[in-house]
Amino acid sequence: PNAFKPGFAVSTKQGIEIDFTKSEHTGAEGLRILEAKGGRFVPVTEPFTSALFRKVHYGK
């Protein structure tokens, strides 16, 4: 992996299907880590939201 071919995919919207190649093994969605298993990305962690993100987006 390098800056031009990092070996991971990123989605900016939760629930969006992400295309990836057989060489990609990591993804990020909604600030959570995903892992490629059986041809699909599956969550490894819960989504992360900072206090500022929650205040701006949810008013909390």
Foldseek 3Di string as FASTA:
>chain_A
DDPVCPLEEEDAAPPDFDDDDPSRFWYAYQQFIWGDDPNGTDTPDDRDDDPVRCCVPVVD
